[in-house]
């Protein structure tokens, strides 16, 4: 059965208004070529001063993650990009390593670069999601590694030496790029980062010309948005994604002035009840494990965003049980396409 690559959503959305450091302090808007990008307002700690302890991701509590550390994960809206941390500026970094090889080596290399000489890197991963390879990958950077096993994870600790090797190559391999053959900007770690997802393609093929104002929930690097904006009757399109890297790529790929971009957990959006349409290829993985509640939450959020008579266009893997949720939230539900292990629904509020 075809399956989406893991998309890592927290089981519970972050509290509204939570204060998290951001990399820029120039206000909460940036306008480029007619597109608007929204950022959370916050106070920025001095890199290398307040940011002496960094945390990437949400490690299990058994690993005692630091409570006062600056969060770095691109999947936590408002976090500070690891790329922006100055070289040799921090004392310790804890990383809950991502499962993708390029993404993981990129994060490890950036973390090692950010550490002061003598600084401590503490990294862990589930054994079946990269943990069994952690020690070897770290040793490839020319560092000594202490390894232990706990709670079905491998944990590696490194004290940064004076010299290291291979950091630049790992950073280059995991950096944003214009993907050859895709003709779009993307980055390892973004959903379907180097291809057109089959589910999104089926949805794009099924879509009629839309009109009015709408939103793309879980927009990825913007492939579906370009199809939606092909209709001149669309007046505005919000692109929303939990992944900062996806939003950064979408900004480069979607230059239409009708588009705006939001780095946010779609489940936390205000139920405005004013939109004409919603399009979505929702995630259904939480930390690598399948969780149908994610797609169901996207369906309920779509209903809250739409006005009466508004329409949701959504694609899902065939085995996911979304029909009951759709029928509870919408007045009319029709399956428009069923092919390649995916199904496309049109739901009218």
C-alpha atoms as a PDB file:
ATOM      1  CA  UNK A   1       0.000   0.000   0.000  1.00  0.00           C
ATOM      2  CA  UNK A   2       1.472   3.397  -0.929  1.00  0.00           C
ATOM      3  CA  UNK A   3       2.313   5.523   2.066  1.00  0.00           C
ATOM      4  CA  UNK A   4       3.359   9.045   2.801  1.00  0.00           C
ATOM      5  CA  UNK A   5       6.816   9.527   4.185  1.00  0.00           C
ATOM      6  CA  UNK A   6       6.763  10.188   7.928  1.00  0.00           C
ATOM      7  CA  UNK A   7       5.647  13.697   8.811  1.00  0.00           C
ATOM      8  CA  UNK A   8       6.388  14.484  12.433  1.00  0.00           C
ATOM      9  CA  UNK A   9       3.595  16.303  14.217  1.00  0.00           C
ATOM     10  CA  UNK A  10       3.425  16.596  17.999  1.00  0.00           C
ATOM     11  CA  UNK A  11       0.495  14.736  19.555  1.00  0.00           C
ATOM     12  CA  UNK A  12      -0.668  18.005  21.142  1.00  0.00           C
ATOM     13  CA  UNK A  13      -0.322  21.426  19.479  1.00  0.00           C
ATOM     14  CA  UNK A  14       1.966  23.893  21.216  1.00  0.00           C
ATOM     15  CA  UNK A  15       0.156  26.250  23.600  1.00  0.00           C
ATOM     16  CA  UNK A  16      -1.120  29.394  21.969  1.00  0.00           C
ATOM     17  CA  UNK A  17       1.160  32.335  22.628  1.00  0.00           C
ATOM     18  CA  UNK A  18       4.123  30.248  23.772  1.00  0.00           C
ATOM     19  CA  UNK A  19       7.268  32.405  23.721  1.00  0.00           C
ATOM     20  CA  UNK A  20      10.040  30.798  21.638  1.00  0.00           C
ATOM     21  CA  UNK A  21      13.156  32.562  20.248  1.00  0.00           C
ATOM     22  CA  UNK A  22      13.238  33.390  16.543  1.00  0.00           C
ATOM     23  CA  UNK A  23      16.235  34.154  14.344  1.00  0.00           C
ATOM     24  CA  UNK A  24      15.153  37.621  13.289  1.00  0.00           C
ATOM     25  CA  UNK A  25      14.053  40.609  15.317  1.00  0.00           C
ATOM     26  CA  UNK A  26      12.900  42.920  12.556  1.00  0.00           C
ATOM     27  CA  UNK A  27       9.204  42.799  13.356  1.00  0.00           C
ATOM     28  CA  UNK A  28       6.606  40.215  12.564  1.00  0.00           C
ATOM     29  CA  UNK A  29       6.285  40.663   8.816  1.00  0.00           C
ATOM     30  CA  UNK A  30       8.544  40.373   5.848  1.00  0.00           C
ATOM     31  CA  UNK A  31       7.285  41.299   2.394  1.00  0.00           C
ATOM     32  CA  UNK A  32       8.990  40.058  -0.757  1.00  0.00           C
ATOM     33  CA  UNK A  33       7.593  40.459  -4.236  1.00  0.00           C
ATOM     34  CA  UNK A  34       4.052  40.901  -2.967  1.00  0.00           C
ATOM     35  CA  UNK A  35       4.071  37.813  -0.746  1.00  0.00           C
ATOM     36  CA  UNK A  36       3.651  38.137   2.992  1.00  0.00           C
ATOM     37  CA  UNK A  37       5.405  35.910   5.509  1.00  0.00           C
ATOM     38  CA  UNK A  38       4.227  35.903   9.133  1.00  0.00           C
ATOM     39  CA  UNK A  39       6.548  35.357  12.075  1.00  0.00           C
ATOM     40  CA  UNK A  40       5.852  35.234  15.777  1.00  0.00           C
ATOM     41  CA  UNK A  41       7.079  38.278  17.685  1.00  0.00           C
ATOM     42  CA  UNK A  42       9.660  37.563  20.364  1.00  0.00           C
ATOM     43  CA  UNK A  43      12.820  38.648  22.104  1.00  0.00           C
ATOM     44  CA  UNK A  44      15.990  37.199  20.587  1.00  0.00           C
ATOM     45  CA  UNK A  45      18.713  35.939  22.931  1.00  0.00           C
ATOM     46  CA  UNK A  46      22.283  36.885  22.065  1.00  0.00           C
ATOM     47  CA  UNK A  47      23.785  33.925  20.226  1.00  0.00           C
ATOM     48  CA  UNK A  48      26.705  32.626  22.250  1.00  0.00           C
ATOM     49  CA  UNK A  49      25.433  34.409  25.382  1.00  0.00           C
ATOM     50  CA  UNK A  50      21.953  33.287  26.468  1.00  0.00           C
ATOM     51  CA  UNK A  51      21.996  30.486  23.907  1.00  0.00           C
ATOM     52  CA  UNK A  52      24.566  28.342  25.707  1.00  0.00           C
ATOM     53  CA  UNK A  53      22.305  25.269  25.703  1.00  0.00           C
ATOM     54  CA  UNK A  54      20.416  24.091  22.627  1.00  0.00           C
ATOM     55  CA  UNK A  55      17.745  21.432  22.078  1.00  0.00           C
ATOM     56  CA  UNK A  56      16.725  19.934  18.718  1.00  0.00           C
ATOM     57  CA  UNK A  57      13.378  18.152  18.755  1.00  0.00           C
ATOM     58  CA  UNK A  58      11.464  16.512  21.591  1.00  0.00           C
ATOM     59  CA  UNK A  59      13.489  13.672  23.130  1.00  0.00           C
ATOM     60  CA  UNK A  60      11.610  11.206  25.352  1.00  0.00           C
ATOM     61  CA  UNK A  61      11.504  12.318  28.990  1.00  0.00           C
ATOM     62  CA  UNK A  62      13.716   9.386  29.981  1.00  0.00           C
ATOM     63  CA  UNK A  63      16.652  11.294  28.456  1.00  0.00           C
ATOM     64  CA  UNK A  64      16.058  14.353  30.699  1.00  0.00           C
ATOM     65  CA  UNK A  65      15.923  17.055  28.005  1.00  0.00           C
ATOM     66  CA  UNK A  66      16.935  20.483  29.337  1.00  0.00           C
ATOM     67  CA  UNK A  67      13.968  22.663  30.168  1.00  0.00           C
ATOM     68  CA  UNK A  68      15.659  26.025  29.611  1.00  0.00           C
ATOM     69  CA  UNK A  69      17.390  25.244  26.306  1.00  0.00           C
ATOM     70  CA  UNK A  70      16.726  27.119  23.067  1.00  0.00           C
ATOM     71  CA  UNK A  71      14.666  24.953  20.724  1.00  0.00           C
ATOM     72  CA  UNK A  72      16.051  24.381  17.208  1.00  0.00           C
ATOM     73  CA  UNK A  73      13.708  21.923  15.475  1.00  0.00           C
ATOM     74  CA  UNK A  74      12.262  23.141  12.162  1.00  0.00           C
ATOM     75  CA  UNK A  75       9.092  21.227  13.103  1.00  0.00           C
ATOM     76  CA  UNK A  76       8.374  23.424  16.135  1.00  0.00           C
ATOM     77  CA  UNK A  77       7.007  26.797  14.987  1.00  0.00           C
ATOM     78  CA  UNK A  78       8.937  29.730  16.410  1.00  0.00           C
ATOM     79  CA  UNK A  79      12.156  27.779  17.000  1.00  0.00           C
ATOM     80  CA  UNK A  80      15.576  29.187  16.164  1.00  0.00           C
ATOM     81  CA  UNK A  81      17.203  27.786  13.011  1.00  0.00           C
ATOM     82  CA  UNK A  82      20.308  25.782  13.828  1.00  0.00           C
ATOM     83  CA  UNK A  83      21.818  27.290  10.676  1.00  0.00           C
ATOM     84  CA  UNK A  84      21.788  30.715  12.358  1.00  0.00           C
ATOM     85  CA  UNK A  85      23.775  29.689  15.436  1.00  0.00           C
ATOM     86  CA  UNK A  86      27.313  31.074  15.293  1.00  0.00           C
ATOM     87  CA  UNK A  87      30.214  28.657  15.036  1.00  0.00           C
ATOM     88  CA  UNK A  88      31.852  27.814  18.365  1.00  0.00           C
ATOM     89  CA  UNK A  89      29.244  29.724  20.386  1.00  0.00           C
ATOM     90  CA  UNK A  90      27.421  27.191  22.591  1.00  0.00           C
ATOM     91  CA  UNK A  91      28.287  24.881  25.464  1.00  0.00           C
ATOM     92  CA  UNK A  92      25.992  21.924  24.848  1.00  0.00           C
ATOM     93  CA  UNK A  93      23.477  20.617  22.348  1.00  0.00           C
ATOM     94  CA  UNK A  94      20.956  17.800  22.726  1.00  0.00           C
ATOM     95  CA  UNK A  95      19.510  16.375  19.504  1.00  0.00           C
ATOM     96  CA  UNK A  96      16.660  13.938  19.034  1.00  0.00           C
ATOM     97  CA  UNK A  97      17.989  12.869  15.668  1.00  0.00           C
ATOM     98  CA  UNK A  98      15.677  12.814  12.643  1.00  0.00           C
ATOM     99  CA  UNK A  99      15.374   9.500  10.758  1.00  0.00           C
ATOM    100  CA  UNK A 100      16.467  10.648   7.289  1.00  0.00           C
ATOM    101  CA  UNK A 101      20.186  10.173   6.647  1.00  0.00           C
ATOM    102  CA  UNK A 102      20.826  13.475   4.850  1.00  0.00           C
ATOM    103  CA  UNK A 103      18.682  15.432   7.308  1.00  0.00           C
ATOM    104  CA  UNK A 104      20.308  13.761  10.322  1.00  0.00           C
ATOM    105  CA  UNK A 105      23.921  14.242   9.157  1.00  0.00           C
ATOM    106  CA  UNK A 106      23.084  17.879   8.330  1.00  0.00           C
ATOM    107  CA  UNK A 107      21.793  18.518  11.857  1.00  0.00           C
ATOM    108  CA  UNK A 108      24.733  16.702  13.473  1.00  0.00           C
ATOM    109  CA  UNK A 109      27.279  18.655  11.432  1.00  0.00           C
ATOM    110  CA  UNK A 110      25.635  21.992  12.203  1.00  0.00           C
ATOM    111  CA  UNK A 111      25.493  21.137  15.914  1.00  0.00           C
ATOM    112  CA  UNK A 112      29.170  20.178  16.020  1.00  0.00           C
ATOM    113  CA  UNK A 113      30.032  23.410  14.230  1.00  0.00           C
ATOM    114  CA  UNK A 114      28.009  25.439  16.765  1.00  0.00           C
ATOM    115  CA  UNK A 115      29.752  23.922  19.800  1.00  0.00           C
ATOM    116  CA  UNK A 116      32.707  25.520  21.534  1.00  0.00           C
ATOM    117  CA  UNK A 117      35.846  23.380  21.707  1.00  0.00           C
ATOM    118  CA  UNK A 118      35.154  21.128  24.691  1.00  0.00           C
ATOM    119  CA  UNK A 119      31.386  21.576  24.273  1.00  0.00           C
ATOM    120  CA  UNK A 120      29.109  18.540  24.604  1.00  0.00           C
ATOM    121  CA  UNK A 121      26.851  16.988  21.962  1.00  0.00           C
ATOM    122  CA  UNK A 122      24.246  14.556  23.324  1.00  0.00           C
ATOM    123  CA  UNK A 123      22.290  12.831  20.552  1.00  0.00           C
ATOM    124  CA  UNK A 124      19.833   9.954  20.579  1.00  0.00           C
ATOM    125  CA  UNK A 125      17.599   8.125  18.107  1.00  0.00           C
ATOM    126  CA  UNK A 126      15.404   5.032  18.104  1.00  0.00           C
ATOM    127  CA  UNK A 127      17.426   2.006  17.013  1.00  0.00           C
ATOM    128  CA  UNK A 128      15.234   1.471  13.944  1.00  0.00           C
ATOM    129  CA  UNK A 129      15.213   5.174  12.994  1.00  0.00           C
ATOM    130  CA  UNK A 130      18.915   5.853  12.631  1.00  0.00           C
ATOM    131  CA  UNK A 131      20.082   5.018  16.148  1.00  0.00           C
ATOM    132  CA  UNK A 132      22.070   1.989  15.045  1.00  0.00           C
ATOM    133  CA  UNK A 133      24.085   4.199  12.661  1.00  0.00           C
ATOM    134  CA  UNK A 134      24.646   7.197  14.934  1.00  0.00           C
ATOM    135  CA  UNK A 135      28.047   6.212  16.303  1.00  0.00           C
ATOM    136  CA  UNK A 136      29.517   5.483  12.883  1.00  0.00           C
ATOM    137  CA  UNK A 137      28.112   8.692  11.403  1.00  0.00           C
ATOM    138  CA  UNK A 138      29.571  10.779  14.213  1.00  0.00           C
ATOM    139  CA  UNK A 139      32.942   9.044  13.992  1.00  0.00           C
ATOM    140  CA  UNK A 140      32.973  10.030  10.326  1.00  0.00           C
ATOM    141  CA  UNK A 141      33.345  13.637  11.511  1.00  0.00           C
ATOM    142  CA  UNK A 142      36.599  12.727  13.245  1.00  0.00           C
ATOM    143  CA  UNK A 143      35.275  12.787  16.818  1.00  0.00           C
ATOM    144  CA  UNK A 144      35.417  10.274  19.667  1.00  0.00           C
ATOM    145  CA  UNK A 145      31.995   8.873  20.569  1.00  0.00           C
ATOM    146  CA  UNK A 146      30.649   7.395  23.776  1.00  0.00           C
ATOM    147  CA  UNK A 147      27.630   5.163  23.080  1.00  0.00           C
ATOM    148  CA  UNK A 148      24.941   3.653  25.313  1.00  0.00           C
ATOM    149  CA  UNK A 149      21.550   1.991  24.875  1.00  0.00           C
ATOM    150  CA  UNK A 150      18.338   2.962  26.650  1.00  0.00           C
ATOM    151  CA  UNK A 151      14.593   2.634  26.022  1.00  0.00           C
ATOM    152  CA  UNK A 152      15.067   1.093  22.545  1.00  0.00           C
ATOM    153  CA  UNK A 153      17.306   4.027  21.600  1.00  0.00           C
ATOM    154  CA  UNK A 154      20.994   4.515  21.004  1.00  0.00           C
ATOM    155  CA  UNK A 155      22.571   7.506  22.727  1.00  0.00           C
ATOM    156  CA  UNK A 156      25.883   9.026  21.702  1.00  0.00           C
ATOM    157  CA  UNK A 157      27.893  11.683  23.533  1.00  0.00           C
ATOM    158  CA  UNK A 158      30.675  13.706  21.904  1.00  0.00           C
ATOM    159  CA  UNK A 159      33.029  16.314  23.357  1.00  0.00           C
ATOM    160  CA  UNK A 160      33.979  18.634  20.528  1.00  0.00           C
ATOM    161  CA  UNK A 161      37.684  18.431  19.654  1.00  0.00           C
ATOM    162  CA  UNK A 162      39.820  21.205  18.182  1.00  0.00           C
ATOM    163  CA  UNK A 163      39.608  19.787  14.660  1.00  0.00           C
ATOM    164  CA  UNK A 164      36.909  17.848  12.805  1.00  0.00           C
ATOM    165  CA  UNK A 165      36.380  16.599   9.270  1.00  0.00           C
ATOM    166  CA  UNK A 166      33.491  16.270   6.810  1.00  0.00           C
ATOM    167  CA  UNK A 167      31.232  18.930   8.313  1.00  0.00           C
ATOM    168  CA  UNK A 168      31.050  21.076   5.179  1.00  0.00           C
ATOM    169  CA  UNK A 169      30.147  18.093   2.968  1.00  0.00           C
ATOM    170  CA  UNK A 170      27.339  16.975   5.299  1.00  0.00           C
ATOM    171  CA  UNK A 171      25.967  20.505   5.526  1.00  0.00           C
ATOM    172  CA  UNK A 172      26.018  20.893   1.744  1.00  0.00           C
ATOM    173  CA  UNK A 173      24.263  17.532   1.250  1.00  0.00           C
ATOM    174  CA  UNK A 174      21.407  18.500   3.570  1.00  0.00           C
ATOM    175  CA  UNK A 175      21.015  22.135   2.539  1.00  0.00           C
ATOM    176  CA  UNK A 176      18.156  23.685   0.544  1.00  0.00           C
ATOM    177  CA  UNK A 177      18.564  23.328  -3.192  1.00  0.00           C
ATOM    178  CA  UNK A 178      16.818  23.591  -6.539  1.00  0.00           C
ATOM    179  CA  UNK A 179      16.002  19.929  -7.103  1.00  0.00           C
ATOM    180  CA  UNK A 180      17.044  18.661 -10.515  1.00  0.00           C
ATOM    181  CA  UNK A 181      14.097  17.253 -12.461  1.00  0.00           C
ATOM    182  CA  UNK A 182      11.583  18.777 -10.035  1.00  0.00           C
ATOM    183  CA  UNK A 183      12.302  22.390 -10.971  1.00  0.00           C
ATOM    184  CA  UNK A 184      11.467  23.429  -7.436  1.00  0.00           C
ATOM    185  CA  UNK A 185      13.304  24.412  -4.272  1.00  0.00           C
ATOM    186  CA  UNK A 186      13.255  21.889  -1.456  1.00  0.00           C
ATOM    187  CA  UNK A 187      15.394  20.371   1.286  1.00  0.00           C
ATOM    188  CA  UNK A 188      15.957  16.903   2.777  1.00  0.00           C
ATOM    189  CA  UNK A 189      13.496  16.455   5.638  1.00  0.00           C
ATOM    190  CA  UNK A 190      10.597  18.183   3.885  1.00  0.00           C
ATOM    191  CA  UNK A 191       7.780  15.773   2.981  1.00  0.00           C
ATOM    192  CA  UNK A 192       8.452  14.205  -0.453  1.00  0.00           C
ATOM    193  CA  UNK A 193      11.350  16.637  -0.722  1.00  0.00           C
ATOM    194  CA  UNK A 194      12.764  15.436  -4.047  1.00  0.00           C
ATOM    195  CA  UNK A 195       9.664  14.183  -5.867  1.00  0.00           C
ATOM    196  CA  UNK A 196       6.011  14.877  -6.598  1.00  0.00           C
ATOM    197  CA  UNK A 197       3.980  12.882  -4.083  1.00  0.00           C
ATOM    198  CA  UNK A 198       1.516  10.489  -5.764  1.00  0.00           C
ATOM    199  CA  UNK A 199      -1.340  11.535  -3.469  1.00  0.00           C
ATOM    200  CA  UNK A 200      -0.797  15.226  -4.137  1.00  0.00           C
ATOM    201  CA  UNK A 201      -0.622  14.512  -7.865  1.00  0.00           C
ATOM    202  CA  UNK A 202      -3.964  12.673  -7.787  1.00  0.00           C
ATOM    203  CA  UNK A 203      -5.532  15.565  -5.886  1.00  0.00           C
ATOM    204  CA  UNK A 204      -4.098  18.106  -8.333  1.00  0.00           C
ATOM    205  CA  UNK A 205      -5.515  16.141 -11.270  1.00  0.00           C
ATOM    206  CA  UNK A 206      -8.958  16.004  -9.645  1.00  0.00           C
ATOM    207  CA  UNK A 207      -9.190  19.666  -8.671  1.00  0.00           C
ATOM    208  CA  UNK A 208     -11.573  21.892 -10.642  1.00  0.00           C
ATOM    209  CA  UNK A 209     -10.695  25.579 -11.056  1.00  0.00           C
ATOM    210  CA  UNK A 210     -11.284  27.021  -7.586  1.00  0.00           C
ATOM    211  CA  UNK A 211     -12.446  30.521  -6.760  1.00  0.00           C
ATOM    212  CA  UNK A 212     -12.345  32.951  -3.865  1.00  0.00           C
ATOM    213  CA  UNK A 213     -10.081  32.765  -0.818  1.00  0.00           C
ATOM    214  CA  UNK A 214      -8.658  29.515   0.488  1.00  0.00           C
ATOM    215  CA  UNK A 215      -5.898  27.712   2.342  1.00  0.00           C
ATOM    216  CA  UNK A 216      -3.522  24.831   1.650  1.00  0.00           C
ATOM    217  CA  UNK A 217      -3.133  22.917   4.929  1.00  0.00           C
ATOM    218  CA  UNK A 218       0.210  21.108   5.000  1.00  0.00           C
ATOM    219  CA  UNK A 219       1.466  22.874   1.872  1.00  0.00           C
ATOM    220  CA  UNK A 220       4.920  21.259   1.716  1.00  0.00           C
ATOM    221  CA  UNK A 221       7.200  22.989  -0.773  1.00  0.00           C
ATOM    222  CA  UNK A 222       4.193  24.396  -2.640  1.00  0.00           C
ATOM    223  CA  UNK A 223       3.465  21.907  -5.439  1.00  0.00           C
ATOM    224  CA  UNK A 224      -0.309  21.828  -4.901  1.00  0.00           C
ATOM    225  CA  UNK A 225      -0.483  25.590  -4.390  1.00  0.00           C
ATOM    226  CA  UNK A 226       0.882  26.227  -7.867  1.00  0.00           C
ATOM    227  CA  UNK A 227      -2.018  24.216  -9.301  1.00  0.00           C
ATOM    228  CA  UNK A 228      -4.605  26.051  -7.187  1.00  0.00           C
ATOM    229  CA  UNK A 229      -3.228  29.443  -8.201  1.00  0.00           C
ATOM    230  CA  UNK A 230      -3.587  28.449 -11.843  1.00  0.00           C
ATOM    231  CA  UNK A 231      -7.215  29.531 -11.499  1.00  0.00           C
ATOM    232  CA  UNK A 232      -7.588  33.288 -12.055  1.00  0.00           C
ATOM    233  CA  UNK A 233     -10.746  33.209  -9.909  1.00  0.00           C
ATOM    234  CA  UNK A 234      -8.698  32.476  -6.768  1.00  0.00           C
ATOM    235  CA  UNK A 235      -8.329  35.738  -4.871  1.00  0.00           C
ATOM    236  CA  UNK A 236      -6.045  34.621  -2.025  1.00  0.00           C
ATOM    237  CA  UNK A 237      -4.286  31.449  -0.866  1.00  0.00           C
ATOM    238  CA  UNK A 238      -2.733  30.851   2.549  1.00  0.00           C
ATOM    239  CA  UNK A 239       0.033  28.228   2.575  1.00  0.00           C
ATOM    240  CA  UNK A 240       0.385  26.653   6.014  1.00  0.00           C
ATOM    241  CA  UNK A 241       2.913  24.053   7.143  1.00  0.00           C
ATOM    242  CA  UNK A 242       4.455  22.856  10.405  1.00  0.00           C
ATOM    243  CA  UNK A 243       7.894  22.605   8.772  1.00  0.00           C
ATOM    244  CA  UNK A 244       9.917  25.813   8.559  1.00  0.00           C
ATOM    245  CA  UNK A 245      11.960  24.333   5.700  1.00  0.00           C
ATOM    246  CA  UNK A 246       8.796  23.664   3.688  1.00  0.00           C
ATOM    247  CA  UNK A 247       7.616  27.239   4.136  1.00  0.00           C
ATOM    248  CA  UNK A 248      11.040  28.578   3.128  1.00  0.00           C
ATOM    249  CA  UNK A 249      10.962  26.443  -0.032  1.00  0.00           C
ATOM    250  CA  UNK A 250       7.356  27.359  -0.813  1.00  0.00           C
ATOM    251  CA  UNK A 251       8.260  31.039  -0.622  1.00  0.00           C
ATOM    252  CA  UNK A 252      10.775  30.496  -3.419  1.00  0.00           C
ATOM    253  CA  UNK A 253       8.516  28.255  -5.493  1.00  0.00           C
ATOM    254  CA  UNK A 254       5.268  30.213  -5.204  1.00  0.00           C
ATOM    255  CA  UNK A 255       5.804  33.836  -6.171  1.00  0.00           C
ATOM    256  CA  UNK A 256       2.193  34.682  -6.979  1.00  0.00           C
ATOM    257  CA  UNK A 257       1.169  37.865  -5.101  1.00  0.00           C
ATOM    258  CA  UNK A 258      -2.082  36.172  -4.036  1.00  0.00           C
ATOM    259  CA  UNK A 259      -0.100  33.779  -1.814  1.00  0.00           C
ATOM    260  CA  UNK A 260       0.779  34.237   1.861  1.00  0.00           C
ATOM    261  CA  UNK A 261       2.795  31.886   4.042  1.00  0.00           C
ATOM    262  CA  UNK A 262       2.396  30.721   7.637  1.00  0.00           C
ATOM    263  CA  UNK A 263       4.790  28.550   9.626  1.00  0.00           C
ATOM    264  CA  UNK A 264       2.248  27.020  11.983  1.00  0.00           C
ATOM    265  CA  UNK A 265       0.561  23.874  13.219  1.00  0.00           C
ATOM    266  CA  UNK A 266      -2.581  23.837  11.089  1.00  0.00           C
ATOM    267  CA  UNK A 267      -4.591  22.519  14.030  1.00  0.00           C
ATOM    268  CA  UNK A 268      -4.043  25.772  15.929  1.00  0.00           C
ATOM    269  CA  UNK A 269      -5.435  28.099  13.241  1.00  0.00           C
ATOM    270  CA  UNK A 270      -8.407  30.253  14.173  1.00  0.00           C
ATOM    271  CA  UNK A 271     -11.752  28.891  12.961  1.00  0.00           C
ATOM    272  CA  UNK A 272     -12.574  31.961  10.898  1.00  0.00           C
ATOM    273  CA  UNK A 273     -15.496  30.379   9.037  1.00  0.00           C
ATOM    274  CA  UNK A 274     -14.968  32.681   6.045  1.00  0.00           C
ATOM    275  CA  UNK A 275     -12.993  30.739   3.428  1.00  0.00           C
ATOM    276  CA  UNK A 276     -14.308  29.475   0.109  1.00  0.00           C
ATOM    277  CA  UNK A 277     -12.069  26.425  -0.121  1.00  0.00           C
ATOM    278  CA  UNK A 278      -9.482  24.281   1.639  1.00  0.00           C
ATOM    279  CA  UNK A 279      -7.076  21.884  -0.084  1.00  0.00           C
ATOM    280  CA  UNK A 280      -5.011  19.374   1.854  1.00  0.00           C
ATOM    281  CA  UNK A 281      -2.834  16.294   1.700  1.00  0.00           C
ATOM    282  CA  UNK A 282      -2.662  15.894   5.488  1.00  0.00           C
ATOM    283  CA  UNK A 283       0.043  14.039   7.399  1.00  0.00           C
ATOM    284  CA  UNK A 284      -0.773  10.845   9.236  1.00  0.00           C
ATOM    285  CA  UNK A 285       2.426  10.171  11.152  1.00  0.00           C
ATOM    286  CA  UNK A 286       3.355  11.357  14.617  1.00  0.00           C
ATOM    287  CA  UNK A 287       7.019  10.736  15.415  1.00  0.00           C
ATOM    288  CA  UNK A 288       7.137   8.045  12.721  1.00  0.00           C
ATOM    289  CA  UNK A 289       4.087   6.109  13.960  1.00  0.00           C
ATOM    290  CA  UNK A 290       0.844   6.144  12.001  1.00  0.00           C
ATOM    291  CA  UNK A 291      -1.815   8.283  13.676  1.00  0.00           C
ATOM    292  CA  UNK A 292      -5.144   8.674  11.889  1.00  0.00           C
ATOM    293  CA  UNK A 293      -6.116  11.398  14.362  1.00  0.00           C
ATOM    294  CA  UNK A 294      -3.911  13.881  12.510  1.00  0.00           C
ATOM    295  CA  UNK A 295      -5.929  13.670   9.307  1.00  0.00           C
ATOM    296  CA  UNK A 296      -9.150  13.731  11.305  1.00  0.00           C
ATOM    297  CA  UNK A 297      -7.997  16.919  13.047  1.00  0.00           C
ATOM    298  CA  UNK A 298      -7.235  18.505   9.664  1.00  0.00           C
ATOM    299  CA  UNK A 299     -10.767  17.651   8.524  1.00  0.00           C
ATOM    300  CA  UNK A 300     -12.316  19.297  11.580  1.00  0.00           C
ATOM    301  CA  UNK A 301     -10.065  22.336  11.159  1.00  0.00           C
ATOM    302  CA  UNK A 302     -11.071  22.656   7.495  1.00  0.00           C
ATOM    303  CA  UNK A 303     -14.728  22.696   8.520  1.00  0.00           C
ATOM    304  CA  UNK A 304     -13.992  25.474  11.013  1.00  0.00           C
ATOM    305  CA  UNK A 305     -12.159  27.560   8.421  1.00  0.00           C
ATOM    306  CA  UNK A 306     -14.819  27.289   5.720  1.00  0.00           C
ATOM    307  CA  UNK A 307     -17.957  29.329   5.383  1.00  0.00           C
ATOM    308  CA  UNK A 308     -21.305  27.669   4.655  1.00  0.00           C
ATOM    309  CA  UNK A 309     -21.138  26.245   1.145  1.00  0.00           C
ATOM    310  CA  UNK A 310     -17.341  26.224   1.218  1.00  0.00           C
ATOM    311  CA  UNK A 311     -15.555  23.136  -0.095  1.00  0.00           C
ATOM    312  CA  UNK A 312     -12.765  20.901   1.155  1.00  0.00           C
ATOM    313  CA  UNK A 313     -10.659  18.952  -1.329  1.00  0.00           C
ATOM    314  CA  UNK A 314      -8.596  16.317   0.462  1.00  0.00           C
ATOM    315  CA  UNK A 315      -6.527  13.262  -0.478  1.00  0.00           C
ATOM    316  CA  UNK A 316      -5.764  10.305   1.774  1.00  0.00           C
ATOM    317  CA  UNK A 317      -4.324   6.819   1.640  1.00  0.00           C
ATOM    318  CA  UNK A 318      -7.079   4.375   0.824  1.00  0.00           C
ATOM    319  CA  UNK A 319      -6.803   2.513   4.131  1.00  0.00           C
ATOM    320  CA  UNK A 320      -7.319   5.589   6.321  1.00  0.00           C
ATOM    321  CA  UNK A 321     -10.836   5.841   7.840  1.00  0.00           C
ATOM    322  CA  UNK A 322     -11.721   9.470   7.131  1.00  0.00           C
ATOM    323  CA  UNK A 323     -15.207   9.005   5.702  1.00  0.00           C
ATOM    324  CA  UNK A 324     -17.025   9.122   9.066  1.00  0.00           C
ATOM    325  CA  UNK A 325     -15.177  12.284  10.120  1.00  0.00           C
ATOM    326  CA  UNK A 326     -15.976  13.937   6.799  1.00  0.00           C
ATOM    327  CA  UNK A 327     -19.669  13.061   7.030  1.00  0.00           C
ATOM    328  CA  UNK A 328     -19.878  14.372  10.583  1.00  0.00           C
ATOM    329  CA  UNK A 329     -18.289  17.717   9.676  1.00  0.00           C
ATOM    330  CA  UNK A 330     -19.758  18.361   6.214  1.00  0.00           C
ATOM    331  CA  UNK A 331     -23.191  18.466   4.614  1.00  0.00           C
ATOM    332  CA  UNK A 332     -22.197  16.563   1.469  1.00  0.00           C
ATOM    333  CA  UNK A 333     -19.226  14.256   0.820  1.00  0.00           C
ATOM    334  CA  UNK A 334     -18.284  12.669  -2.514  1.00  0.00           C
ATOM    335  CA  UNK A 335     -15.340  10.474  -3.443  1.00  0.00           C
ATOM    336  CA  UNK A 336     -14.004  11.972  -6.657  1.00  0.00           C
ATOM    337  CA  UNK A 337     -11.040   9.680  -7.371  1.00  0.00           C
ATOM    338  CA  UNK A 338      -9.693   6.326  -6.172  1.00  0.00           C
ATOM    339  CA  UNK A 339      -6.415   5.258  -7.759  1.00  0.00           C
ATOM    340  CA  UNK A 340      -2.931   4.090  -6.879  1.00  0.00           C
ATOM    341  CA  UNK A 341      -3.825   3.471  -3.257  1.00  0.00           C
ATOM    342  CA  UNK A 342      -5.175   6.992  -2.701  1.00  0.00           C
ATOM    343  CA  UNK A 343      -8.646   8.506  -2.591  1.00  0.00           C
ATOM    344  CA  UNK A 344      -9.767  12.077  -3.192  1.00  0.00           C
ATOM    345  CA  UNK A 345     -12.837  13.570  -1.521  1.00  0.00           C
ATOM    346  CA  UNK A 346     -14.860  16.716  -2.145  1.00  0.00           C
ATOM    347  CA  UNK A 347     -16.728  17.814   0.975  1.00  0.00           C
ATOM    348  CA  UNK A 348     -19.150  20.749   1.056  1.00  0.00           C
ATOM    349  CA  UNK A 349     -19.988  22.488   4.324  1.00  0.00           C
END
